[in-house]
Amino acid sequence: QVQLVESGGGLVQTGGSLSLSCVASGRTSSIYAVGWFRQAPGKERESVGVVNWRYGSPNYLDSVKGRFTLLRDNAKNTVDLHMNRLKPEDTAVYYCAAATPEGGHGYNFWGQGTQVTVSS
């Protein structure tokens, strides 16, 4: 099992910045990918940024490219999401997720979610 605990989030004005942090524990050696996802009210969950746990660069949702930065530190078992120039449409519950081989090709471990609200 892998446990994911998120922190950060909150309320910010348009154009502001927020950072989210996720700490993984448990069988972290089995993780092969991590990412941040979000779900706004009435909308489907979408991938914000995902990255291989050990190498490579993140892949971002087009609408956040140039504004969001995902940083993973597999030595500290953390994956952070730094969000700049936030927009009201970024308002959502943000989830950290991890993928292990037992989950097939999907993300099978999820954090509890943290609310990000961007006021206009």
C-alpha atoms as a PDB file:
ATOM      1  CA  GLN A   1       0.000   0.000   0.000  1.00  0.00           C
ATOM      2  CA  VAL A   2       0.985   3.575  -0.629  1.00  0.00           C
ATOM      3  CA  GLN A   3      -0.333   6.457   1.416  1.00  0.00           C
ATOM      4  CA  LEU A   4      -0.446   9.990   0.045  1.00  0.00           C
ATOM      5  CA  VAL A   5      -0.931  13.059   2.197  1.00  0.00           C
ATOM      6  CA  GLU A   6      -1.456  16.450   0.580  1.00  0.00           C
ATOM      7  CA  SER A   7      -1.007  19.877   2.061  1.00  0.00           C
ATOM      8  CA  GLY A   8      -1.312  23.400   0.821  1.00  0.00           C
ATOM      9  CA  GLY A   9      -4.146  24.871  -1.146  1.00  0.00           C
ATOM     10  CA  GLY A  10      -6.555  27.520  -0.005  1.00  0.00           C
ATOM     11  CA  LEU A  11      -7.993  30.750  -1.316  1.00  0.00           C
ATOM     12  CA  VAL A  12      -6.077  33.092  -3.593  1.00  0.00           C
ATOM     13  CA  GLN A  13      -6.919  35.977  -5.892  1.00  0.00           C
ATOM     14  CA  THR A  14      -6.603  35.785  -9.640  1.00  0.00           C
ATOM     15  CA  GLY A  15      -2.977  36.074 -10.647  1.00  0.00           C
ATOM     16  CA  GLY A  16      -1.728  34.768  -7.342  1.00  0.00           C
ATOM     17  CA  SER A  17       0.311  31.696  -6.498  1.00  0.00           C
ATOM     18  CA  LEU A  18      -0.137  28.587  -4.409  1.00  0.00           C
ATOM     19  CA  SER A  19       1.912  25.504  -3.780  1.00  0.00           C
ATOM     20  CA  LEU A  20       0.678  22.015  -3.046  1.00  0.00           C
ATOM     21  CA  SER A  21       2.784  19.316  -1.493  1.00  0.00           C
ATOM     22  CA  CYS A  22       2.270  15.565  -1.407  1.00  0.00           C
ATOM     23  CA  VAL A  23       4.214  13.122   0.725  1.00  0.00           C
ATOM     24  CA  ALA A  24       4.171   9.442  -0.091  1.00  0.00           C
ATOM     25  CA  SER A  25       4.719   6.695   2.448  1.00  0.00           C
ATOM     26  CA  GLY A  26       4.409   2.945   2.609  1.00  0.00           C
ATOM     27  CA  ARG A  27       5.572   0.860  -0.358  1.00  0.00           C
ATOM     28  CA  THR A  28       7.039   3.827  -2.213  1.00  0.00           C
ATOM     29  CA  SER A  29       9.541   1.547  -3.944  1.00  0.00           C
ATOM     30  CA  SER A  30       6.662   0.196  -6.008  1.00  0.00           C
ATOM     31  CA  ILE A  31       5.649   3.609  -7.397  1.00  0.00           C
ATOM     32  CA  TYR A  32       6.407   4.154 -11.077  1.00  0.00           C
ATOM     33  CA  ALA A  33       4.487   7.372 -11.727  1.00  0.00           C
ATOM     34  CA  VAL A  34       2.986  10.239  -9.770  1.00  0.00           C
ATOM     35  CA  GLY A  35       0.797  13.132 -10.655  1.00  0.00           C
ATOM     36  CA  TRP A  36      -1.601  15.843  -9.671  1.00  0.00           C
ATOM     37  CA  PHE A  37      -5.216  15.771 -10.791  1.00  0.00           C
ATOM     38  CA  ARG A  38      -8.117  18.109 -10.197  1.00  0.00           C
ATOM     39  CA  GLN A  39     -11.875  18.025 -10.238  1.00  0.00           C
ATOM     40  CA  ALA A  40     -14.080  21.072 -10.387  1.00  0.00           C
ATOM     41  CA  PRO A  41     -17.774  20.951  -9.432  1.00  0.00           C
ATOM     42  CA  GLY A  42     -19.821  19.366 -12.166  1.00  0.00           C
ATOM     43  CA  LYS A  43     -16.777  18.435 -14.194  1.00  0.00           C
ATOM     44  CA  GLU A  44     -14.780  15.296 -14.720  1.00  0.00           C
ATOM     45  CA  ARG A  45     -11.449  14.799 -13.043  1.00  0.00           C
ATOM     46  CA  GLU A  46      -8.528  15.835 -15.215  1.00  0.00           C
ATOM     47  CA  SER A  47      -4.807  15.334 -15.127  1.00  0.00           C
ATOM     48  CA  VAL A  48      -2.886  18.508 -14.313  1.00  0.00           C
ATOM     49  CA  GLY A  49       0.633  17.114 -14.423  1.00  0.00           C
ATOM     50  CA  VAL A  50       2.093  13.624 -14.344  1.00  0.00           C
ATOM     51  CA  VAL A  51       5.643  12.344 -14.279  1.00  0.00           C
ATOM     52  CA  ASN A  52       7.597   9.122 -14.082  1.00  0.00           C
ATOM     53  CA  TRP A  53       8.674   8.604 -10.495  1.00  0.00           C
ATOM     54  CA  ARG A  54      12.350   8.187 -11.290  1.00  0.00           C
ATOM     55  CA  TYR A  55      13.164  10.035 -14.499  1.00  0.00           C
ATOM     56  CA  GLY A  56      11.848  12.257 -17.244  1.00  0.00           C
ATOM     57  CA  SER A  57       9.982  15.515 -17.399  1.00  0.00           C
ATOM     58  CA  PRO A  58       6.381  16.096 -16.424  1.00  0.00           C
ATOM     59  CA  ASN A  59       3.534  16.187 -18.894  1.00  0.00           C
ATOM     60  CA  TYR A  60       1.118  19.029 -18.256  1.00  0.00           C
ATOM     61  CA  LEU A  61      -2.450  19.863 -19.083  1.00  0.00           C
ATOM     62  CA  ASP A  62      -2.318  22.402 -21.906  1.00  0.00           C
ATOM     63  CA  SER A  63      -4.165  25.042 -19.917  1.00  0.00           C
ATOM     64  CA  VAL A  64      -1.551  25.046 -17.121  1.00  0.00           C
ATOM     65  CA  LYS A  65       1.615  24.890 -19.212  1.00  0.00           C
ATOM     66  CA  GLY A  66       3.915  27.758 -18.329  1.00  0.00           C
ATOM     67  CA  ARG A  67       2.017  28.458 -15.117  1.00  0.00           C
ATOM     68  CA  PHE A  68       2.289  25.236 -13.113  1.00  0.00           C
ATOM     69  CA  THR A  69       5.440  23.314 -12.217  1.00  0.00           C
ATOM     70  CA  LEU A  70       5.486  19.775 -10.889  1.00  0.00           C
ATOM     71  CA  LEU A  71       8.560  18.796  -8.920  1.00  0.00           C
ATOM     72  CA  ARG A  72       9.155  15.271  -7.675  1.00  0.00           C
ATOM     73  CA  ASP A  73      11.813  14.224  -5.215  1.00  0.00           C
ATOM     74  CA  ASN A  74      11.871  10.474  -4.977  1.00  0.00           C
ATOM     75  CA  ALA A  75      14.565  10.613  -2.287  1.00  0.00           C
ATOM     76  CA  LYS A  76      12.176  12.526  -0.030  1.00  0.00           C
ATOM     77  CA  ASN A  77       9.089  10.824  -1.488  1.00  0.00           C
ATOM     78  CA  THR A  78       7.457  14.128  -2.309  1.00  0.00           C
ATOM     79  CA  VAL A  79       5.741  15.573  -5.336  1.00  0.00           C
ATOM     80  CA  ASP A  80       4.929  19.252  -5.285  1.00  0.00           C
ATOM     81  CA  LEU A  81       2.821  21.389  -7.545  1.00  0.00           C
ATOM     82  CA  HIS A  82       3.725  25.048  -7.767  1.00  0.00           C
ATOM     83  CA  MET A  83       0.946  27.098  -9.316  1.00  0.00           C
ATOM     84  CA  ASN A  84       1.456  30.630 -10.609  1.00  0.00           C
ATOM     85  CA  ARG A  85      -0.776  33.160 -12.376  1.00  0.00           C
ATOM     86  CA  LEU A  86      -3.821  31.337 -11.103  1.00  0.00           C
ATOM     87  CA  LYS A  87      -7.148  31.806 -12.800  1.00  0.00           C
ATOM     88  CA  PRO A  88     -10.707  31.277 -11.549  1.00  0.00           C
ATOM     89  CA  GLU A  89     -10.972  28.251 -13.836  1.00  0.00           C
ATOM     90  CA  ASP A  90      -8.196  26.619 -11.805  1.00  0.00           C
ATOM     91  CA  THR A  91     -10.624  26.349  -8.890  1.00  0.00           C
ATOM     92  CA  ALA A  92     -11.022  22.676  -8.020  1.00  0.00           C
ATOM     93  CA  VAL A  93     -10.179  19.973  -5.552  1.00  0.00           C
ATOM     94  CA  TYR A  94      -6.636  18.869  -6.303  1.00  0.00           C
ATOM     95  CA  TYR A  95      -5.529  15.297  -5.750  1.00  0.00           C
ATOM     96  CA  CYS A  96      -2.118  13.712  -5.607  1.00  0.00           C
ATOM     97  CA  ALA A  97      -1.954  10.238  -7.105  1.00  0.00           C
ATOM     98  CA  ALA A  98       0.539   7.420  -7.504  1.00  0.00           C
ATOM     99  CA  ALA A  99       0.661   4.463  -9.835  1.00  0.00           C
ATOM    100  CA  THR A 100       2.059   1.062  -8.986  1.00  0.00           C
ATOM    101  CA  PRO A 101       2.144  -2.109 -11.085  1.00  0.00           C
ATOM    102  CA  GLU A 102      -0.795  -3.565  -9.173  1.00  0.00           C
ATOM    103  CA  GLY A 103      -2.994  -0.826 -10.617  1.00  0.00           C
ATOM    104  CA  GLY A 104      -2.376  -1.759 -14.221  1.00  0.00           C
ATOM    105  CA  HIS A 105      -2.010   1.358 -16.327  1.00  0.00           C
ATOM    106  CA  GLY A 106      -3.924   3.642 -13.994  1.00  0.00           C
ATOM    107  CA  TYR A 107      -3.298   5.585 -10.830  1.00  0.00           C
ATOM    108  CA  ASN A 108      -4.354   3.354  -7.998  1.00  0.00           C
ATOM    109  CA  PHE A 109      -3.458   5.392  -4.926  1.00  0.00           C
ATOM    110  CA  TRP A 110      -4.958   8.785  -4.168  1.00  0.00           C
ATOM    111  CA  GLY A 111      -4.645  11.465  -1.567  1.00  0.00           C
ATOM    112  CA  GLN A 112      -7.612  12.942   0.240  1.00  0.00           C
ATOM    113  CA  GLY A 113      -7.701  16.059  -1.922  1.00  0.00           C
ATOM    114  CA  THR A 114      -7.154  19.707  -1.131  1.00  0.00           C
ATOM    115  CA  GLN A 115      -9.315  22.623  -2.196  1.00  0.00           C
ATOM    116  CA  VAL A 116      -7.906  25.401  -4.336  1.00  0.00           C
ATOM    117  CA  THR A 117     -10.154  28.402  -4.833  1.00  0.00           C
ATOM    118  CA  VAL A 118      -9.210  31.299  -7.092  1.00  0.00           C
ATOM    119  CA  SER A 119     -11.350  34.389  -6.663  1.00  0.00           C
ATOM    120  CA  SER A 120     -11.953  36.771  -9.519  1.00  0.00           C
END
